[in-house]
Amino acid sequence: MILEVAVLDVREGEGDRFEAAFGEAQALICRQRGYGRHELRRCVESPRRYLLLVWWDTLEDHTEGFRRSADYRRWRELLHHYYEPFPTVEHYTPLLAGEAP
């Protein structure tokens, strides 16, 4: 499983609109091949910063499947104008995991 990580800095005063748009946009990734789950979190210390985590079966499910789809074009229309600066997206593979005792 691959974890997509994006730190999203949203334009000042646009948080509520971004969250509403994300509410619509999330259905677009949920129906993609290889999609596992996702989380959107807001930063406590910097409220205009969000963390998007998306679990994919493979890197290609995200980079080739979703990003080359009509759904991704709609995702861009809904969300990309909220970012300042435009986010860097990185992908991670699991190494170690733990649980509380």
C-alpha atoms as a PDB file:
ATOM      1  CA  MET A   1       0.000   0.000   0.000  1.00  0.00           C
ATOM      2  CA  ILE A   2       1.222   3.505  -0.884  1.00  0.00           C
ATOM      3  CA  LEU A   3       0.425   6.582   1.193  1.00  0.00           C
ATOM      4  CA  GLU A   4       0.015   9.855  -0.703  1.00  0.00           C
ATOM      5  CA  VAL A   5       0.825  12.870   1.490  1.00  0.00           C
ATOM      6  CA  ALA A   6       0.029  16.464   0.525  1.00  0.00           C
ATOM      7  CA  VAL A   7       0.389  19.538   2.740  1.00  0.00           C
ATOM      8  CA  LEU A   8      -2.230  21.995   1.511  1.00  0.00           C
ATOM      9  CA  ASP A   9      -1.857  25.662   2.377  1.00  0.00           C
ATOM     10  CA  VAL A  10      -5.210  27.264   1.625  1.00  0.00           C
ATOM     11  CA  ARG A  11      -5.565  30.954   0.790  1.00  0.00           C
ATOM     12  CA  GLU A  12      -6.405  33.183   3.744  1.00  0.00           C
ATOM     13  CA  GLY A  13     -10.142  33.300   4.421  1.00  0.00           C
ATOM     14  CA  GLU A  14     -10.950  30.433   2.035  1.00  0.00           C
ATOM     15  CA  GLY A  15     -10.995  27.536   4.530  1.00  0.00           C
ATOM     16  CA  ASP A  16     -14.762  27.124   4.694  1.00  0.00           C
ATOM     17  CA  ARG A  17     -15.115  27.217   0.904  1.00  0.00           C
ATOM     18  CA  PHE A  18     -12.210  24.797   0.487  1.00  0.00           C
ATOM     19  CA  GLU A  19     -13.756  22.356   2.963  1.00  0.00           C
ATOM     20  CA  ALA A  20     -17.104  22.503   1.171  1.00  0.00           C
ATOM     21  CA  ALA A  21     -15.421  21.940  -2.204  1.00  0.00           C
ATOM     22  CA  PHE A  22     -13.422  19.063  -0.759  1.00  0.00           C
ATOM     23  CA  GLY A  23     -16.675  17.545   0.486  1.00  0.00           C
ATOM     24  CA  GLU A  24     -17.783  17.347  -3.141  1.00  0.00           C
ATOM     25  CA  ALA A  25     -14.381  16.403  -4.550  1.00  0.00           C
ATOM     26  CA  GLN A  26     -13.723  13.462  -2.240  1.00  0.00           C
ATOM     27  CA  ALA A  27     -16.274  11.320  -4.091  1.00  0.00           C
ATOM     28  CA  LEU A  28     -14.027  11.595  -7.145  1.00  0.00           C
ATOM     29  CA  ILE A  29     -11.123   9.772  -5.512  1.00  0.00           C
ATOM     30  CA  CYS A  30     -13.289   7.284  -3.607  1.00  0.00           C
ATOM     31  CA  ARG A  31     -14.367   5.650  -6.849  1.00  0.00           C
ATOM     32  CA  GLN A  32     -10.874   5.255  -8.318  1.00  0.00           C
ATOM     33  CA  ARG A  33      -9.229   1.906  -8.946  1.00  0.00           C
ATOM     34  CA  GLY A  34      -6.752   1.154  -6.179  1.00  0.00           C
ATOM     35  CA  TYR A  35      -8.198   3.692  -3.732  1.00  0.00           C
ATOM     36  CA  GLY A  36      -8.137   2.505  -0.119  1.00  0.00           C
ATOM     37  CA  ARG A  37      -9.169   5.417   2.067  1.00  0.00           C
ATOM     38  CA  HIS A  38      -8.356   9.060   2.774  1.00  0.00           C
ATOM     39  CA  GLU A  39      -8.212  11.611   5.569  1.00  0.00           C
ATOM     40  CA  LEU A  40      -8.228  15.397   5.478  1.00  0.00           C
ATOM     41  CA  ARG A  41      -6.947  17.063   8.634  1.00  0.00           C
ATOM     42  CA  ARG A  42      -6.641  20.727   9.623  1.00  0.00           C
ATOM     43  CA  CYS A  43      -3.507  21.909  11.420  1.00  0.00           C
ATOM     44  CA  VAL A  44      -4.074  23.063  14.991  1.00  0.00           C
ATOM     45  CA  GLU A  45      -1.197  25.578  14.987  1.00  0.00           C
ATOM     46  CA  SER A  46      -1.779  26.905  11.436  1.00  0.00           C
ATOM     47  CA  PRO A  47      -5.525  26.717  10.659  1.00  0.00           C
ATOM     48  CA  ARG A  48      -5.117  27.469   6.956  1.00  0.00           C
ATOM     49  CA  ARG A  49      -2.895  24.388   6.557  1.00  0.00           C
ATOM     50  CA  TYR A  50      -4.418  20.985   5.830  1.00  0.00           C
ATOM     51  CA  LEU A  51      -2.923  17.531   5.531  1.00  0.00           C
ATOM     52  CA  LEU A  52      -4.353  15.202   2.910  1.00  0.00           C
ATOM     53  CA  LEU A  53      -3.570  11.513   3.285  1.00  0.00           C
ATOM     54  CA  VAL A  54      -4.712   9.024   0.642  1.00  0.00           C
ATOM     55  CA  TRP A  55      -3.967   5.307   0.697  1.00  0.00           C
ATOM     56  CA  TRP A  56      -3.566   3.660  -2.720  1.00  0.00           C
ATOM     57  CA  ASP A  57      -2.856   0.050  -3.660  1.00  0.00           C
ATOM     58  CA  THR A  58      -0.037   1.147  -5.993  1.00  0.00           C
ATOM     59  CA  LEU A  59       1.731   4.361  -6.953  1.00  0.00           C
ATOM     60  CA  GLU A  60       0.389   3.987 -10.483  1.00  0.00           C
ATOM     61  CA  ASP A  61      -3.201   3.922  -9.228  1.00  0.00           C
ATOM     62  CA  HIS A  62      -2.653   7.534  -8.201  1.00  0.00           C
ATOM     63  CA  THR A  63      -0.147   8.873 -10.729  1.00  0.00           C
ATOM     64  CA  GLU A  64      -1.445   7.155 -13.851  1.00  0.00           C
ATOM     65  CA  GLY A  65      -4.989   6.105 -12.993  1.00  0.00           C
ATOM     66  CA  PHE A  66      -6.441   9.046 -11.097  1.00  0.00           C
ATOM     67  CA  ARG A  67      -4.248  11.821 -12.464  1.00  0.00           C
ATOM     68  CA  ARG A  68      -5.026  10.869 -16.071  1.00  0.00           C
ATOM     69  CA  SER A  69      -8.773  10.612 -15.490  1.00  0.00           C
ATOM     70  CA  ALA A  70     -11.674  12.960 -16.173  1.00  0.00           C
ATOM     71  CA  ASP A  71     -12.312  12.825 -12.422  1.00  0.00           C
ATOM     72  CA  TYR A  72      -8.909  14.419 -11.809  1.00  0.00           C
ATOM     73  CA  ARG A  73      -9.746  17.266 -14.191  1.00  0.00           C
ATOM     74  CA  ARG A  74     -12.876  17.925 -12.096  1.00  0.00           C
ATOM     75  CA  TRP A  75     -10.784  17.616  -8.871  1.00  0.00           C
ATOM     76  CA  ARG A  76      -8.487  20.349 -10.191  1.00  0.00           C
ATOM     77  CA  GLU A  77     -11.440  22.603 -11.058  1.00  0.00           C
ATOM     78  CA  LEU A  78     -12.890  22.203  -7.586  1.00  0.00           C
ATOM     79  CA  LEU A  79      -9.735  22.529  -5.478  1.00  0.00           C
ATOM     80  CA  HIS A  80      -6.554  23.786  -7.090  1.00  0.00           C
ATOM     81  CA  HIS A  81      -7.420  27.495  -7.000  1.00  0.00           C
ATOM     82  CA  TYR A  82      -7.513  27.383  -3.171  1.00  0.00           C
ATOM     83  CA  TYR A  83      -3.808  26.529  -2.744  1.00  0.00           C
ATOM     84  CA  GLU A  84      -1.089  29.096  -2.049  1.00  0.00           C
ATOM     85  CA  PRO A  85       1.552  27.918  -2.749  1.00  0.00           C
ATOM     86  CA  PHE A  86       0.731  24.893  -4.829  1.00  0.00           C
ATOM     87  CA  PRO A  87       1.388  21.761  -2.746  1.00  0.00           C
ATOM     88  CA  THR A  88       4.065  19.170  -3.166  1.00  0.00           C
ATOM     89  CA  VAL A  89       2.676  15.651  -3.212  1.00  0.00           C
ATOM     90  CA  GLU A  90       4.840  12.771  -2.019  1.00  0.00           C
ATOM     91  CA  HIS A  91       4.283   9.036  -1.780  1.00  0.00           C
ATOM     92  CA  TYR A  92       5.400   6.778   1.059  1.00  0.00           C
ATOM     93  CA  THR A  93       5.748   3.047   1.488  1.00  0.00           C
ATOM     94  CA  PRO A  94       5.412   1.394   4.911  1.00  0.00           C
ATOM     95  CA  LEU A  95       8.480   0.308   6.872  1.00  0.00           C
ATOM     96  CA  LEU A  96       7.597   0.013  10.562  1.00  0.00           C
ATOM     97  CA  ALA A  97       4.367   0.268  12.500  1.00  0.00           C
ATOM     98  CA  GLY A  98       3.468   0.163  16.145  1.00  0.00           C
ATOM     99  CA  GLU A  99       0.535   0.172  18.490  1.00  0.00           C
ATOM    100  CA  ALA A 100       0.034   1.517  21.974  1.00  0.00           C
ATOM    101  CA  PRO A 101       0.597  -1.161  24.628  1.00  0.00           C
END
